[in-house]
Amino acid sequence: MADVIAYAETRDGTLRPVARETVSAARALADELGGRVVAVALDGPGSADAVRELARFGADRILAAEHPALTDYHPDAAVQAIESTAEASAAAAIVFPASARGKDLSARVAGRLNRSLATEVTELGVEDGSVVVTRPVYAGKAYAKLRFRTTPALISIRPNVFPVAERQGGGVVETLDIQPGDARTRVTGTEGGARERLDVREADIVVAGGRGLQAPEHWEMMDDLVDALGPQATLGASRAVVDAGWRPHGEQVGQTGKVVSPSLYFAIGISGAIQHLAGMRTANVIVAVNKDPEAPIFGVANYGIVGDAFEVVPRLTEEIRTLRDSGG
């Protein structure tokens, strides 16, 4: 049977949103291959309850490893878990998220299994019995279609690209017996920055600014727009803004930042360099504000406003607040 393994990322005993995307993508691929989806999750004691919901997204088997040493990311144990599961099920493919942890783990598994790895994949499929994938190349200027000649096919999927789909699977939760030994690589702790709003990868609305805003103090009007849009909105930034020290790196959208795919994306004062487009062009609706009518961002925008951001954004904020106050 052509099983597909999905690495279900958890953190602090909770399921990460990207885990649902990974299992959904694996389900679609398994349906074409005629196999099952086997989800693998590793975390501390008590985490098995959190991964049960993966059955809603098509997981037929859910292998949960619980151990105090797995509370923090344990690369060696994770590789052991994926490798042993792949051998036991004769997996046709292994799907990882292209998150920070998924990128690290997928590369390690590829080295251990001596298999090729396709990263940042945006499409999955099967042709003539072989797994085929599509991934961006040349900073998103083109897409390459790749066919795997051997199994298991190792794939990391770009976050916020594959839709989360509820497809009831068998959902049998089984204990994965992993006994972490001496770790060659050990995570001694994690430290997150102070954050009042959603991460750009998780927000449904992203308001991103670029060099056209001229100075960091002008971000106050961006804050006002985000507040008007509601709790589902957050701030984003171009690389130029982050490099200038105006905004933190965690807000950077683009090839060297984060890839987002929100329902609504505002590109304000952003010219639309290809590196930025690589991180946001899959947004459902793109609204661009730029005083240069020839700015490349208008080439991908659904709606474009040619004008001064310092005039457009406050007016836009006012109109949105009026609409919300009226119950619209």
Protein backbone atom coordinates (compact mmCIF):
# COMPACT_ATOMS: atom_id res chain seq x y z
CA MET A 1 0.00 0.00 0.00
CA ALA A 2 1.32 3.46 -0.93
CA ASP A 3 1.15 5.21 2.44
CA VAL A 4 1.98 8.89 2.85
CA ILE A 5 3.63 10.02 6.08
CA ALA A 6 2.89 13.51 7.36
CA TYR A 7 5.06 15.15 10.01
CA ALA A 8 2.56 16.87 12.31
CA GLU A 9 4.35 19.72 14.04
CA THR A 10 3.37 20.43 17.63
CA ARG A 11 4.68 22.85 20.19
CA ASP A 12 4.11 22.94 23.94
CA GLY A 13 1.56 20.17 23.65
CA THR A 14 -0.59 21.93 21.05
CA LEU A 15 -1.00 21.31 17.34
CA ARG A 16 0.55 23.94 15.09
CA PRO A 17 -1.75 25.31 12.34
CA VAL A 18 0.76 24.13 9.71
CA ALA A 19 0.17 20.53 10.86
CA ARG A 20 -3.38 20.67 9.52
CA GLU A 21 -2.08 21.90 6.16
CA THR A 22 0.52 19.13 6.05
CA VAL A 23 -2.00 16.37 6.79
CA SER A 24 -4.51 17.84 4.32
CA ALA A 25 -1.86 17.88 1.59
CA ALA A 26 -0.81 14.33 2.47
CA ARG A 27 -4.45 13.23 2.30
CA ALA A 28 -4.87 14.59 -1.23
CA LEU A 29 -1.68 12.84 -2.33
CA ALA A 30 -2.63 9.55 -0.63
CA ASP A 31 -6.00 9.58 -2.38
CA GLU A 32 -4.24 9.69 -5.75
CA LEU A 33 -1.84 6.93 -4.71
CA GLY A 34 -4.56 4.78 -3.19
CA GLY A 35 -2.91 4.68 0.24
CA ARG A 36 -3.33 5.81 3.83
CA VAL A 37 -2.10 8.88 5.68
CA VAL A 38 0.13 8.22 8.68
CA ALA A 39 0.68 11.28 10.85
CA VAL A 40 3.71 11.39 13.15
CA ALA A 41 3.89 13.74 16.14
CA LEU A 42 6.50 14.06 18.89
CA ASP A 43 6.10 16.12 22.06
CA GLY A 44 6.09 15.94 25.82
CA PRO A 45 3.77 13.88 28.06
CA GLY A 46 0.06 14.50 27.52
CA SER A 47 0.41 15.72 23.94
CA ALA A 48 -1.40 12.76 22.33
CA ASP A 49 -4.80 14.31 23.01
CA ALA A 50 -3.92 17.36 20.92
CA VAL A 51 -3.14 15.34 17.79
CA ARG A 52 -6.40 13.37 17.78
CA GLU A 53 -8.04 16.10 15.74
CA LEU A 54 -5.80 15.21 12.79
CA ALA A 55 -8.37 12.52 11.98
CA ARG A 56 -10.65 15.37 10.84
CA PHE A 57 -8.16 16.24 8.12
CA GLY A 58 -7.67 12.74 6.76
CA ALA A 59 -5.15 10.99 9.01
CA ASP A 60 -5.83 7.24 9.07
CA ARG A 61 -3.17 6.51 11.67
CA ILE A 62 -1.75 8.96 14.19
CA LEU A 63 1.54 7.90 15.76
CA ALA A 64 2.21 9.94 18.88
CA ALA A 65 5.51 9.80 20.76
CA GLU A 66 5.42 11.27 24.27
CA HIS A 67 8.55 11.73 26.36
CA PRO A 68 9.89 14.51 28.61
CA ALA A 69 12.93 14.82 26.34
CA LEU A 70 10.62 15.60 23.40
CA THR A 71 9.08 18.68 24.99
CA ASP A 72 11.67 20.70 23.08
CA TYR A 73 12.51 19.81 19.50
CA HIS A 74 14.77 16.73 19.51
CA PRO A 75 16.22 16.35 15.98
CA ASP A 76 17.76 12.90 16.50
CA ALA A 77 14.57 11.41 17.94
CA ALA A 78 12.46 13.00 15.22
CA VAL A 79 14.64 11.52 12.48
CA GLN A 80 14.45 8.12 14.20
CA ALA A 81 10.65 8.34 14.35
CA ILE A 82 10.24 9.27 10.69
CA GLU A 83 12.77 6.71 9.49
CA SER A 84 11.27 3.81 11.45
CA THR A 85 7.74 4.72 10.34
CA ALA A 86 8.81 4.93 6.69
CA GLU A 87 10.45 1.51 6.87
CA ALA A 88 7.48 -0.12 8.60
CA SER A 89 4.89 1.23 6.16
CA ALA A 90 6.93 1.18 2.93
CA ALA A 91 5.93 4.80 2.47
CA ALA A 92 5.57 6.26 -0.99
CA ALA A 93 6.07 9.82 0.27
CA ILE A 94 6.89 11.82 3.39
CA VAL A 95 5.44 15.32 3.68
CA PHE A 96 6.91 18.01 5.94
CA PRO A 97 5.94 21.64 6.45
CA ALA A 98 8.52 24.14 5.20
CA SER A 99 8.57 25.72 8.65
CA ALA A 100 11.81 26.34 10.53
CA ARG A 101 11.52 22.96 12.26
CA GLY A 102 10.24 21.18 9.16
CA LYS A 103 13.13 22.46 7.06
CA ASP A 104 15.65 21.19 9.59
CA LEU A 105 13.99 17.79 9.98
CA SER A 106 13.34 17.15 6.28
CA ALA A 107 16.99 17.80 5.41
CA ARG A 108 18.14 15.43 8.15
CA VAL A 109 15.76 12.70 6.98
CA ALA A 110 16.90 13.15 3.38
CA GLY A 111 20.49 12.65 4.49
CA ARG A 112 19.64 9.58 6.57
CA LEU A 113 17.57 7.93 3.82
CA ASN A 114 19.87 9.10 1.00
CA ARG A 115 16.93 10.49 -0.94
CA SER A 116 16.31 13.72 -2.82
CA LEU A 117 14.22 16.43 -1.13
CA ALA A 118 11.89 18.85 -2.94
CA THR A 119 11.47 22.00 -0.85
CA GLU A 120 8.88 24.80 -0.77
CA VAL A 121 6.50 22.72 -2.89
CA THR A 122 3.31 24.46 -4.05
CA GLU A 123 1.58 21.60 -5.91
CA LEU A 124 1.42 17.84 -5.43
CA GLY A 125 0.21 15.10 -7.74
CA VAL A 126 0.72 11.67 -9.25
CA GLU A 127 1.52 10.87 -12.88
CA ASP A 128 1.98 7.33 -14.19
CA GLY A 129 2.26 6.08 -10.62
CA SER A 130 5.06 8.51 -9.66
CA VAL A 131 4.85 11.48 -7.31
CA VAL A 132 5.27 14.80 -9.11
CA VAL A 133 5.61 18.21 -7.47
CA THR A 134 5.83 21.84 -8.50
CA ARG A 135 8.07 24.32 -6.74
CA PRO A 136 9.21 27.90 -7.43
CA VAL A 137 12.68 28.57 -8.82
CA TYR A 138 14.64 31.73 -9.62
CA ALA A 139 13.04 33.67 -6.76
CA GLY A 140 9.56 32.77 -7.94
CA LYS A 141 10.07 33.92 -11.53
CA ALA A 142 9.41 30.38 -12.79
CA TYR A 143 8.12 27.04 -11.55
CA ALA A 144 9.79 23.66 -11.94
CA LYS A 145 7.90 20.39 -12.19
CA LEU A 146 9.79 17.47 -10.67
CA ARG A 147 9.18 13.73 -10.81
CA PHE A 148 10.47 11.38 -8.12
CA ARG A 149 12.12 8.25 -9.49
CA THR A 150 12.54 6.57 -6.09
CA THR A 151 10.50 6.22 -2.91
CA PRO A 152 9.85 7.59 -0.48
CA ALA A 153 9.47 10.99 -2.12
CA LEU A 154 10.57 13.62 0.38
CA ILE A 155 8.60 16.85 0.18
CA SER A 156 8.36 20.03 2.22
CA ILE A 157 5.29 22.13 1.43
CA ARG A 158 5.20 25.92 1.49
CA PRO A 159 3.00 27.12 4.38
CA ASN A 160 -0.28 28.87 3.60
CA VAL A 161 -0.50 27.41 0.10
CA PHE A 162 -2.31 24.09 0.53
CA PRO A 163 -5.91 24.46 1.75
CA VAL A 164 -6.93 22.84 5.00
CA ALA A 165 -9.66 20.39 4.12
CA GLU A 166 -11.75 18.29 6.49
CA ARG A 167 -11.67 14.72 5.21
CA GLN A 168 -12.47 12.20 7.88
CA GLY A 169 -9.79 9.54 8.23
CA GLY A 170 -9.56 6.48 10.43
CA GLY A 171 -7.91 8.56 13.13
CA VAL A 172 -6.53 5.66 15.15
CA VAL A 173 -4.07 7.07 17.71
CA GLU A 174 -1.17 4.74 18.45
CA THR A 175 1.81 5.12 20.74
CA LEU A 176 5.10 5.53 18.93
CA ASP A 177 7.79 4.06 21.14
CA ILE A 178 10.76 6.41 20.86
CA GLN A 179 13.40 6.44 23.56
CA PRO A 180 15.59 9.49 22.99
CA GLY A 181 19.21 8.67 23.63
CA ASP A 182 22.23 10.94 23.79
CA ALA A 183 21.51 13.80 21.43
CA ARG A 184 24.19 15.06 19.06
CA THR A 185 22.09 18.20 18.67
CA ARG A 186 20.17 19.54 21.64
CA VAL A 187 17.72 22.41 21.94
CA THR A 188 18.40 24.09 25.25
CA GLY A 189 15.48 26.50 25.06
CA THR A 190 13.54 28.89 22.90
CA GLU A 191 12.91 32.58 23.27
CA GLY A 192 10.16 34.43 21.47
CA GLY A 193 9.91 38.14 20.96
CA ALA A 194 7.13 40.17 22.48
CA ARG A 195 4.15 40.07 20.14
CA GLU A 196 0.72 41.56 20.60
CA ARG A 197 -0.65 40.63 17.20
CA LEU A 198 -0.85 37.50 15.06
CA ASP A 199 2.18 36.25 13.19
CA VAL A 200 2.01 37.24 9.51
CA ARG A 201 1.79 33.56 8.52
CA GLU A 202 -1.34 33.07 10.63
CA ALA A 203 -3.24 36.30 10.01
CA ASP A 204 -6.20 36.47 7.63
CA ILE A 205 -5.38 40.08 6.75
CA VAL A 206 -1.84 41.45 6.37
CA VAL A 207 -1.07 45.17 6.13
CA ALA A 208 2.48 45.42 4.78
CA GLY A 209 4.56 48.55 4.33
CA GLY A 210 7.66 49.38 2.34
CA ARG A 211 10.18 52.13 1.80
CA GLY A 212 7.44 54.38 0.50
CA LEU A 213 6.51 55.07 4.11
CA GLN A 214 9.82 56.97 4.38
CA ALA A 215 10.47 56.59 8.14
CA PRO A 216 9.67 54.27 11.07
CA GLU A 217 7.50 56.84 12.84
CA HIS A 218 5.03 56.69 9.97
CA TRP A 219 4.03 53.18 11.02
CA GLU A 220 1.52 54.71 13.42
CA MET A 221 -0.98 55.07 10.58
CA MET A 222 -0.36 51.43 9.65
CA ASP A 223 -1.16 50.45 13.23
CA ASP A 224 -4.38 52.43 12.99
CA LEU A 225 -5.38 50.58 9.82
CA VAL A 226 -4.67 47.19 11.39
CA ASP A 227 -6.72 48.14 14.47
CA ALA A 228 -9.61 49.21 12.24
CA LEU A 229 -9.51 45.89 10.38
CA GLY A 230 -9.82 43.90 13.60
CA PRO A 231 -8.02 41.13 15.49
CA GLN A 232 -7.60 38.97 12.38
CA ALA A 233 -5.23 41.58 10.90
CA THR A 234 -1.52 42.11 11.49
CA LEU A 235 1.47 44.09 10.23
CA GLY A 236 3.98 43.01 7.60
CA ALA A 237 7.02 44.66 6.06
CA SER A 238 9.31 44.51 3.05
CA ARG A 239 12.96 43.52 3.33
CA ALA A 240 14.14 47.09 2.76
CA VAL A 241 12.17 48.23 5.79
CA VAL A 242 13.51 45.43 7.97
CA ASP A 243 17.10 45.99 6.79
CA ALA A 244 16.73 49.66 7.69
CA GLY A 245 15.75 48.67 11.22
CA TRP A 246 12.29 50.19 11.00
CA ARG A 247 10.45 46.92 11.72
CA PRO A 248 11.41 43.56 13.29
CA HIS A 249 12.49 40.66 11.11
CA GLY A 250 9.48 38.61 12.23
CA GLU A 251 7.26 40.88 10.13
CA GLN A 252 9.27 40.48 6.92
CA VAL A 253 7.37 39.06 3.96
CA GLY A 254 9.24 37.74 0.95
CA GLN A 255 11.77 35.27 -0.34
CA THR A 256 14.13 35.84 2.61
CA GLY A 257 11.28 36.43 5.06
CA LYS A 258 7.98 34.66 5.54
CA VAL A 259 5.57 33.33 2.93
CA VAL A 260 1.98 34.39 3.54
CA SER A 261 -1.31 33.58 1.86
CA PRO A 262 -3.99 35.63 3.63
CA SER A 263 -7.47 36.39 2.39
CA LEU A 264 -6.53 40.06 2.07
CA TYR A 265 -3.08 41.63 1.61
CA PHE A 266 -2.38 45.37 1.62
CA ALA A 267 0.90 46.38 -0.05
CA ILE A 268 1.44 50.00 0.96
CA GLY A 269 4.46 51.86 -0.35
CA ILE A 270 5.90 48.60 -1.69
CA SER A 271 7.26 48.66 -5.23
CA GLY A 272 6.84 44.93 -5.81
CA ALA A 273 10.33 43.50 -6.28
CA ILE A 274 10.27 39.85 -7.31
CA GLN A 275 11.71 38.82 -3.93
CA HIS A 276 8.72 40.35 -2.17
CA LEU A 277 6.21 38.93 -4.62
CA ALA A 278 7.58 35.45 -3.93
CA GLY A 279 6.26 35.74 -0.38
CA MET A 280 2.75 37.11 -0.96
CA ARG A 281 1.51 36.58 -4.50
CA THR A 282 -0.70 33.66 -3.41
CA ALA A 283 -2.85 35.99 -1.27
CA ASN A 284 -6.51 35.74 -2.25
CA VAL A 285 -6.98 39.51 -2.73
CA ILE A 286 -4.12 42.02 -3.07
CA VAL A 287 -4.65 45.75 -2.63
CA ALA A 288 -1.73 47.97 -3.64
CA VAL A 289 -1.17 51.61 -2.72
CA ASN A 290 1.71 53.34 -4.50
CA LYS A 291 2.25 56.77 -6.01
CA ASP A 292 4.20 55.28 -8.94
CA PRO A 293 1.71 54.02 -11.55
CA GLU A 294 4.46 51.86 -13.08
CA ALA A 295 5.28 50.02 -9.83
CA PRO A 296 5.49 46.23 -10.45
CA ILE A 297 3.14 45.58 -7.52
CA PHE A 298 0.22 46.69 -9.68
CA GLY A 299 0.95 43.78 -11.99
CA VAL A 300 -0.22 41.28 -9.33
CA ALA A 301 -2.74 43.44 -7.44
CA ASN A 302 -6.47 42.84 -7.68
CA TYR A 303 -7.08 46.47 -6.73
CA GLY A 304 -4.64 49.33 -7.13
CA ILE A 305 -4.69 52.87 -5.80
CA VAL A 306 -2.23 55.29 -7.40
CA GLY A 307 -1.74 57.90 -4.73
CA ASP A 308 0.16 59.15 -1.70
CA ALA A 309 0.02 56.59 1.10
CA PHE A 310 -0.08 59.40 3.66
CA GLU A 311 -3.38 60.53 2.19
CA VAL A 312 -4.83 57.16 1.18
CA VAL A 313 -4.20 55.12 4.35
CA PRO A 314 -5.83 57.51 6.87
CA ARG A 315 -8.85 57.86 4.58
CA LEU A 316 -9.06 54.10 4.12
CA THR A 317 -8.85 53.60 7.89
CA GLU A 318 -11.64 56.12 8.45
CA GLU A 319 -13.92 54.44 5.93
CA ILE A 320 -13.31 50.97 7.40
CA ARG A 321 -14.09 52.20 10.91
CA THR A 322 -17.28 53.86 9.69
CA LEU A 323 -18.31 50.64 7.95
CA ARG A 324 -17.61 48.52 11.05
CA ASP A 325 -19.43 50.96 13.35
CA SER A 326 -22.46 50.79 11.11
CA GLY A 327 -22.44 47.00 11.32
CA GLY A 328 -21.37 46.52 7.70
